[in-house]
Protein backbone atom coordinates (compact mmCIF):
# COMPACT_ATOMS: atom_id res chain seq x y z
CA UNK A 1 -79.70 -58.18 -8.99
CA UNK A 2 -79.81 -58.16 -5.23
CA UNK A 3 -79.97 -61.77 -3.76
CA UNK A 4 -83.37 -63.11 -2.49
CA UNK A 5 -83.51 -62.81 1.56
CA UNK A 6 -82.83 -66.14 3.04
CA UNK A 7 -84.64 -64.93 6.12
CA UNK A 8 -86.94 -62.11 7.00
CA UNK A 9 -87.89 -61.21 10.67
CA UNK A 10 -86.67 -58.95 13.51
CA UNK A 11 -83.54 -58.14 15.27
CA UNK A 12 -84.23 -57.23 18.95
CA UNK A 13 -81.99 -55.60 21.49
CA UNK A 14 -83.82 -55.46 24.80
CA UNK A 15 -86.90 -52.98 23.78
CA UNK A 16 -85.23 -52.02 20.86
CA UNK A 17 -86.52 -53.81 17.60
CA UNK A 18 -86.17 -53.48 13.85
CA UNK A 19 -87.04 -55.67 10.75
CA UNK A 20 -84.23 -57.31 9.06
CA UNK A 21 -83.29 -59.19 6.20
CA UNK A 22 -80.80 -62.07 5.73
CA UNK A 23 -78.86 -62.90 2.55
CA UNK A 24 -76.19 -65.27 1.83
CA UNK A 25 -72.70 -63.80 2.07
CA UNK A 26 -71.39 -66.65 -0.32
CA UNK A 27 -72.41 -68.16 -3.56
CA UNK A 28 -72.09 -71.15 -5.38
CA UNK A 29 -73.04 -69.57 -8.98
CA UNK A 30 -69.35 -70.16 -10.22
CA UNK A 31 -69.06 -73.81 -8.97
CA UNK A 32 -68.74 -76.34 -11.95
CA UNK A 33 -71.53 -79.01 -11.59
CA UNK A 34 -72.23 -82.27 -13.71
CA UNK A 35 -75.20 -84.20 -14.73
CA UNK A 36 -75.40 -87.84 -14.67
CA UNK A 37 -76.25 -89.45 -18.10
CA UNK A 38 -76.89 -92.80 -19.69
CA UNK A 39 -73.51 -93.82 -21.11
CA UNK A 40 -75.57 -95.71 -23.91
CA UNK A 41 -78.04 -93.18 -24.92
CA UNK A 42 -76.48 -89.82 -23.80
CA UNK A 43 -79.68 -88.76 -22.05
CA UNK A 44 -79.80 -87.37 -18.79
CA UNK A 45 -81.09 -89.64 -16.08
CA UNK A 46 -83.46 -88.60 -12.90
CA UNK A 47 -83.71 -90.26 -9.54
CA UNK A 48 -86.81 -91.83 -8.28
CA UNK A 49 -87.94 -93.02 -4.85
CA UNK A 50 -88.58 -96.79 -4.97
CA UNK A 51 -90.87 -98.33 -2.46
CA UNK A 52 -88.55 -100.80 -0.45
CA UNK A 53 -91.22 -103.67 -0.20
CA UNK A 54 -93.17 -103.33 -3.70
CA UNK A 55 -90.24 -102.18 -5.85
CA UNK A 56 -92.41 -99.69 -7.64
CA UNK A 57 -91.85 -96.08 -8.20
CA UNK A 58 -93.53 -93.66 -5.36
CA UNK A 59 -95.41 -90.53 -7.03
CA UNK A 60 -94.26 -87.29 -5.50
CA UNK A 61 -97.54 -86.58 -3.88
CA UNK A 62 -97.37 -89.64 -1.74
CA UNK A 63 -93.75 -88.96 -0.40
CA UNK A 64 -93.93 -87.95 3.14
CA UNK A 65 -91.48 -87.33 6.07
CA UNK A 66 -91.52 -90.46 8.34
CA UNK A 67 -89.75 -90.58 11.96
CA UNK A 68 -89.04 -94.16 13.27
CA UNK A 69 -90.31 -94.71 16.39
CA UNK A 70 -89.67 -98.15 16.64
CA UNK A 71 -88.04 -100.78 14.33
CA UNK A 72 -90.03 -100.78 11.34
CA UNK A 73 -92.77 -98.36 12.79
CA UNK A 74 -92.81 -94.69 11.90
CA UNK A 75 -94.74 -91.68 12.57
CA UNK A 76 -95.62 -89.52 9.53
CA UNK A 77 -94.78 -85.80 9.76
CA UNK A 78 -96.82 -83.83 7.44
CA UNK A 79 -95.34 -80.17 5.82
CA UNK A 80 -98.24 -78.52 7.81
CA UNK A 81 -96.91 -80.02 11.09
CA UNK A 82 -93.28 -78.57 10.62
CA UNK A 83 -95.03 -75.08 9.57
CA UNK A 84 -96.72 -75.21 12.90
CA UNK A 85 -93.69 -75.36 14.98
CA UNK A 86 -93.26 -71.57 15.75
CA UNK A 87 -90.60 -70.33 18.58
CA UNK A 88 -89.46 -66.90 18.99
CA UNK A 89 -86.19 -67.50 17.11
CA UNK A 90 -88.44 -68.47 13.87
CA UNK A 91 -89.18 -64.88 13.43
CA UNK A 92 -86.95 -62.86 15.87
CA UNK A 93 -83.36 -62.73 16.37
CA UNK A 94 -82.93 -61.72 20.16
CA UNK A 95 -79.52 -60.37 21.18
CA UNK A 96 -79.26 -62.12 24.63
CA UNK A 97 -75.52 -61.86 25.38
CA UNK A 98 -72.26 -60.10 24.13
CA UNK A 99 -68.81 -61.58 23.46
CA UNK A 100 -65.62 -60.64 22.34
CA UNK A 101 -65.33 -62.20 18.82
CA UNK A 102 -61.61 -63.44 19.49
CA UNK A 103 -62.97 -65.63 22.32
CA UNK A 104 -65.02 -67.75 19.74
CA UNK A 105 -63.16 -70.51 18.84
CA UNK A 106 -62.88 -70.81 14.72
CA UNK A 107 -64.01 -74.48 14.88
CA UNK A 108 -67.65 -73.38 16.22
CA UNK A 109 -67.98 -70.98 13.01
CA UNK A 110 -70.15 -72.23 10.32
CA UNK A 111 -71.75 -70.08 7.65
CA UNK A 112 -71.78 -66.06 6.97
CA UNK A 113 -74.73 -63.89 6.04
CA UNK A 114 -75.25 -60.33 5.51
CA UNK A 115 -77.78 -58.68 7.79
CA UNK A 116 -79.50 -55.53 6.61
CA UNK A 117 -82.56 -53.30 7.76
CA UNK A 118 -85.70 -54.50 5.80
CA UNK A 119 -87.23 -51.08 5.38
CA UNK A 120 -86.62 -47.49 5.89
CA UNK A 121 -88.46 -47.36 9.03
CA UNK A 122 -86.19 -50.07 10.61
CA UNK A 123 -82.87 -48.17 9.42
CA UNK A 124 -82.31 -45.92 12.46
CA UNK A 125 -82.71 -48.66 15.15
CA UNK A 126 -80.61 -51.10 13.10
CA UNK A 127 -77.96 -48.27 13.16
CA UNK A 128 -78.17 -47.88 16.81
CA UNK A 129 -77.64 -51.30 17.55
CA UNK A 130 -74.74 -51.64 14.76
CA UNK A 131 -72.79 -48.90 16.24
CA UNK A 132 -73.26 -49.68 19.86
CA UNK A 133 -71.44 -53.19 18.76
CA UNK A 134 -69.12 -51.42 17.05
CA UNK A 135 -68.10 -49.01 19.90
CA UNK A 136 -67.98 -51.89 22.30
CA UNK A 137 -66.05 -54.00 20.17
CA UNK A 138 -68.33 -56.65 20.93
CA UNK A 139 -70.37 -59.53 19.04
CA UNK A 140 -73.97 -60.51 19.98
CA UNK A 141 -74.97 -63.98 20.54
CA UNK A 142 -78.51 -65.15 19.41
CA UNK A 143 -80.64 -67.99 17.92
CA UNK A 144 -82.33 -68.12 14.55
CA UNK A 145 -84.35 -70.91 12.59
CA UNK A 146 -82.92 -71.29 9.26
CA UNK A 147 -84.15 -74.12 6.95
CA UNK A 148 -86.26 -75.79 9.43
CA UNK A 149 -83.47 -75.94 12.22
CA UNK A 150 -82.57 -73.73 14.99
CA UNK A 151 -79.09 -72.49 15.03
CA UNK A 152 -77.02 -70.55 17.14
CA UNK A 153 -75.51 -67.52 15.67
CA UNK A 154 -73.08 -64.46 16.07
CA UNK A 155 -73.71 -61.08 15.05
CA UNK A 156 -71.08 -58.27 14.42
CA UNK A 157 -70.83 -54.93 12.73
CA UNK A 158 -69.60 -55.50 8.96
CA UNK A 159 -69.12 -52.63 6.51
CA UNK A 160 -72.24 -50.47 6.54
CA UNK A 161 -74.26 -53.51 7.88
CA UNK A 162 -73.88 -56.30 10.16
CA UNK A 163 -72.53 -59.85 9.63
CA UNK A 164 -74.65 -62.82 11.05
CA UNK A 165 -72.68 -66.13 11.33
CA UNK A 166 -74.16 -69.41 12.24
CA UNK A 167 -72.59 -71.36 14.75
CA UNK A 168 -72.04 -75.02 15.42
CA UNK A 169 -73.59 -76.56 18.65
CA UNK A 170 -71.13 -77.42 21.28
CA UNK A 171 -72.06 -81.25 21.12
CA UNK A 172 -71.52 -81.40 17.35
CA UNK A 173 -67.76 -80.50 17.58
CA UNK A 174 -65.20 -83.09 18.47
CA UNK A 175 -62.57 -82.41 21.22
CA UNK A 176 -59.33 -81.48 19.92
CA UNK A 177 -57.77 -84.00 22.14
CA UNK A 178 -59.30 -86.94 20.18
CA UNK A 179 -57.32 -85.70 17.14
CA UNK A 180 -54.04 -84.48 18.85
CA UNK A 181 -53.97 -87.23 21.78
CA UNK A 182 -50.99 -88.99 19.94
CA UNK A 183 -48.89 -85.90 19.42
CA UNK A 184 -46.09 -85.93 21.94
CA UNK A 185 -43.71 -82.85 22.77
CA UNK A 186 -40.82 -82.47 20.67
CA UNK A 187 -37.57 -80.75 21.46
CA UNK A 188 -36.84 -78.21 18.59
CA UNK A 189 -33.39 -77.25 17.79
CA UNK A 190 -32.90 -73.52 18.19
CA UNK A 191 -31.42 -72.86 14.75
CA UNK A 192 -34.02 -74.79 13.07
CA UNK A 193 -36.67 -72.85 14.75
CA UNK A 194 -34.81 -69.41 13.92
CA UNK A 195 -34.84 -70.46 10.16
CA UNK A 196 -38.49 -71.53 10.19
CA UNK A 197 -39.18 -68.06 11.66
CA UNK A 198 -37.26 -66.19 9.03
CA UNK A 199 -38.99 -68.11 6.11
CA UNK A 200 -42.39 -67.14 7.83
CA UNK A 201 -40.98 -63.42 8.04
CA UNK A 202 -39.93 -63.46 4.29
CA UNK A 203 -43.56 -64.66 3.16
CA UNK A 204 -45.55 -62.26 5.35
CA UNK A 205 -47.99 -60.13 3.72
CA UNK A 206 -51.63 -58.91 3.85
CA UNK A 207 -54.63 -61.09 3.22
CA UNK A 208 -56.06 -60.68 -0.22
CA UNK A 209 -59.17 -62.59 -0.96
CA UNK A 210 -58.60 -61.95 -4.72
CA UNK A 211 -55.83 -64.55 -4.59
CA UNK A 212 -57.94 -67.29 -3.13
CA UNK A 213 -58.44 -68.95 -6.49
CA UNK A 214 -60.00 -72.15 -7.12
CA UNK A 215 -57.21 -73.73 -9.00
CA UNK A 216 -58.77 -77.18 -9.15
CA UNK A 217 -61.73 -75.58 -10.61
CA UNK A 218 -59.89 -73.81 -13.35
CA UNK A 219 -58.10 -76.98 -14.03
CA UNK A 220 -61.53 -78.79 -14.72
CA UNK A 221 -62.77 -75.86 -16.80
CA UNK A 222 -59.48 -76.23 -18.99
CA UNK A 223 -60.14 -79.85 -19.31
CA UNK A 224 -63.95 -79.18 -20.31
CA UNK A 225 -62.74 -76.70 -22.60
CA UNK A 226 -59.92 -78.88 -24.31
CA UNK A 227 -62.34 -81.83 -24.46
CA UNK A 228 -65.05 -79.58 -26.30
CA UNK A 229 -62.31 -78.34 -28.72
CA UNK A 230 -60.48 -81.69 -29.36
CA UNK A 231 -63.35 -84.34 -28.98
CA UNK A 232 -64.13 -87.08 -26.52
CA UNK A 233 -60.59 -88.11 -25.60
CA UNK A 234 -59.17 -86.21 -22.54
CA UNK A 235 -56.02 -84.31 -23.33
CA UNK A 236 -52.96 -85.84 -21.71
CA UNK A 237 -51.42 -83.93 -18.92
CA UNK A 238 -48.18 -83.92 -17.07
CA UNK A 239 -48.10 -85.29 -13.58
CA UNK A 240 -47.63 -82.74 -10.87
CA UNK A 241 -44.46 -83.35 -8.79
CA UNK A 242 -45.68 -84.57 -5.24
CA UNK A 243 -43.96 -83.40 -2.01
CA UNK A 244 -42.10 -86.15 -0.07
CA UNK A 245 -41.01 -86.19 3.66
CA UNK A 246 -38.22 -83.84 4.46
CA UNK A 247 -34.97 -85.90 5.43
CA UNK A 248 -32.73 -83.12 6.34
CA UNK A 249 -35.01 -80.60 7.91
CA UNK A 250 -32.05 -77.93 8.42
CA UNK A 251 -31.04 -77.92 4.73
CA UNK A 252 -34.54 -77.73 3.49
CA UNK A 253 -35.18 -74.70 5.54
CA UNK A 254 -32.03 -73.09 4.41
CA UNK A 255 -32.90 -73.70 0.83
CA UNK A 256 -36.51 -72.33 1.57
CA UNK A 257 -35.05 -69.11 2.94
CA UNK A 258 -32.37 -68.65 0.18
CA UNK A 259 -35.05 -69.23 -2.35
CA UNK A 260 -36.42 -65.67 -1.32
CA UNK A 261 -39.95 -66.96 -0.67
CA UNK A 262 -40.44 -68.37 -4.38
CA UNK A 263 -40.12 -72.05 -3.45
CA UNK A 264 -43.45 -72.76 -4.77
CA UNK A 265 -43.11 -70.84 -8.28
CA UNK A 266 -41.95 -72.45 -11.10
CA UNK A 267 -39.21 -70.70 -13.20
CA UNK A 268 -40.67 -69.56 -16.70
CA UNK A 269 -39.22 -71.31 -19.77
CA UNK A 270 -36.37 -69.38 -21.38
CA UNK A 271 -35.80 -67.28 -18.41
CA UNK A 272 -32.82 -67.47 -16.01
CA UNK A 273 -33.30 -67.09 -12.21
CA UNK A 274 -32.04 -63.75 -11.17
CA UNK A 275 -28.78 -63.85 -8.85
CA UNK A 276 -29.99 -63.11 -5.12
CA UNK A 277 -27.88 -62.20 -2.45
CA UNK A 278 -28.27 -64.87 0.43
CA UNK A 279 -29.85 -63.57 3.48
CA UNK A 280 -28.08 -62.83 6.42
CA UNK A 281 -27.93 -65.52 8.89
CA UNK A 282 -28.28 -65.36 12.81
CA UNK A 283 -25.30 -65.92 14.62
CA UNK A 284 -26.08 -69.31 15.85
CA UNK A 285 -27.28 -70.54 12.19
CA UNK A 286 -24.00 -69.13 10.83
CA UNK A 287 -22.07 -71.11 13.39
CA UNK A 288 -24.08 -74.24 12.61
CA UNK A 289 -23.51 -73.77 8.86
CA UNK A 290 -19.97 -73.53 9.45
CA UNK A 291 -19.76 -76.73 11.39
CA UNK A 292 -21.32 -78.81 8.81
CA UNK A 293 -19.55 -77.32 5.74
CA UNK A 294 -16.35 -79.21 4.71
CA UNK A 295 -13.09 -77.67 5.37
CA UNK A 296 -11.18 -76.49 2.33
CA UNK A 297 -7.80 -77.68 1.06
CA UNK A 298 -5.08 -75.22 1.17
CA UNK A 299 -3.48 -74.89 -2.37
CA UNK A 300 0.51 -74.67 -1.96
CA UNK A 301 2.38 -71.85 -3.69
CA UNK A 302 4.10 -74.10 -5.86
CA UNK A 303 0.78 -75.28 -7.40
CA UNK A 304 -0.48 -71.66 -7.58
CA UNK A 305 2.45 -70.55 -9.73
CA UNK A 306 2.31 -73.62 -12.04
CA UNK A 307 -1.27 -72.89 -12.43
């Protein structure tokens, strides 16, 4: 069943307009959720709004939005007041400017939606806008009112339709300097850098969304199944090994490279690791290894003969 549209309106490029629908590109259907229960009775509990002065529960019909204009003084905002707020982006997504998607910093990207024509009449105009964006390899910037809030957005060709991605406002994104201010410049040893790059080369591959599994969610599901089968007591679980800070970075990189890219995989019980030919080292790395390796003692001919 097709998802219910999150928004219906019009897509506009200059004088070209077409009716469109917006539907969520992501879902929380598989997300595990819990209810809050009363431990004594086992019954589900429900939340209530309580009057801060009288301490009495507030009936749902008396719940209303309030904006604090002064300390303790509120302005009541009714549902009809919110519905009366209508600006162009409430019903029309107007493509005002165009950028290379690569110029949009990932930190501003928020949530994706699928954009499709709302009816047969709109399909031709929708296709013209889509193909024009595809030919120019550009993304359109616009604004849209979603969930009672105007949001900047980016629109780009995606599959047979288009993808609308809501963006964060500039003043809601912290400067990276705030997070990275204490990071100084570190001189990196060329041999270690060479090893790190070779580890990356060994692990290179193509992006496969099927591999993005929720392992924590799967573990919680297994816990639920186990408790359902065995009773109330949670099954004992062996603690996972936690990584620690690397003391000898050079040795750690060499071991990572020698592992053949399987340093995160555990060996199956009863199976021996297959012998692997050690990877070729760069000239600098080989010299560095040779300098670190202890010198072998020469065995005398007399000892070899007696052996």
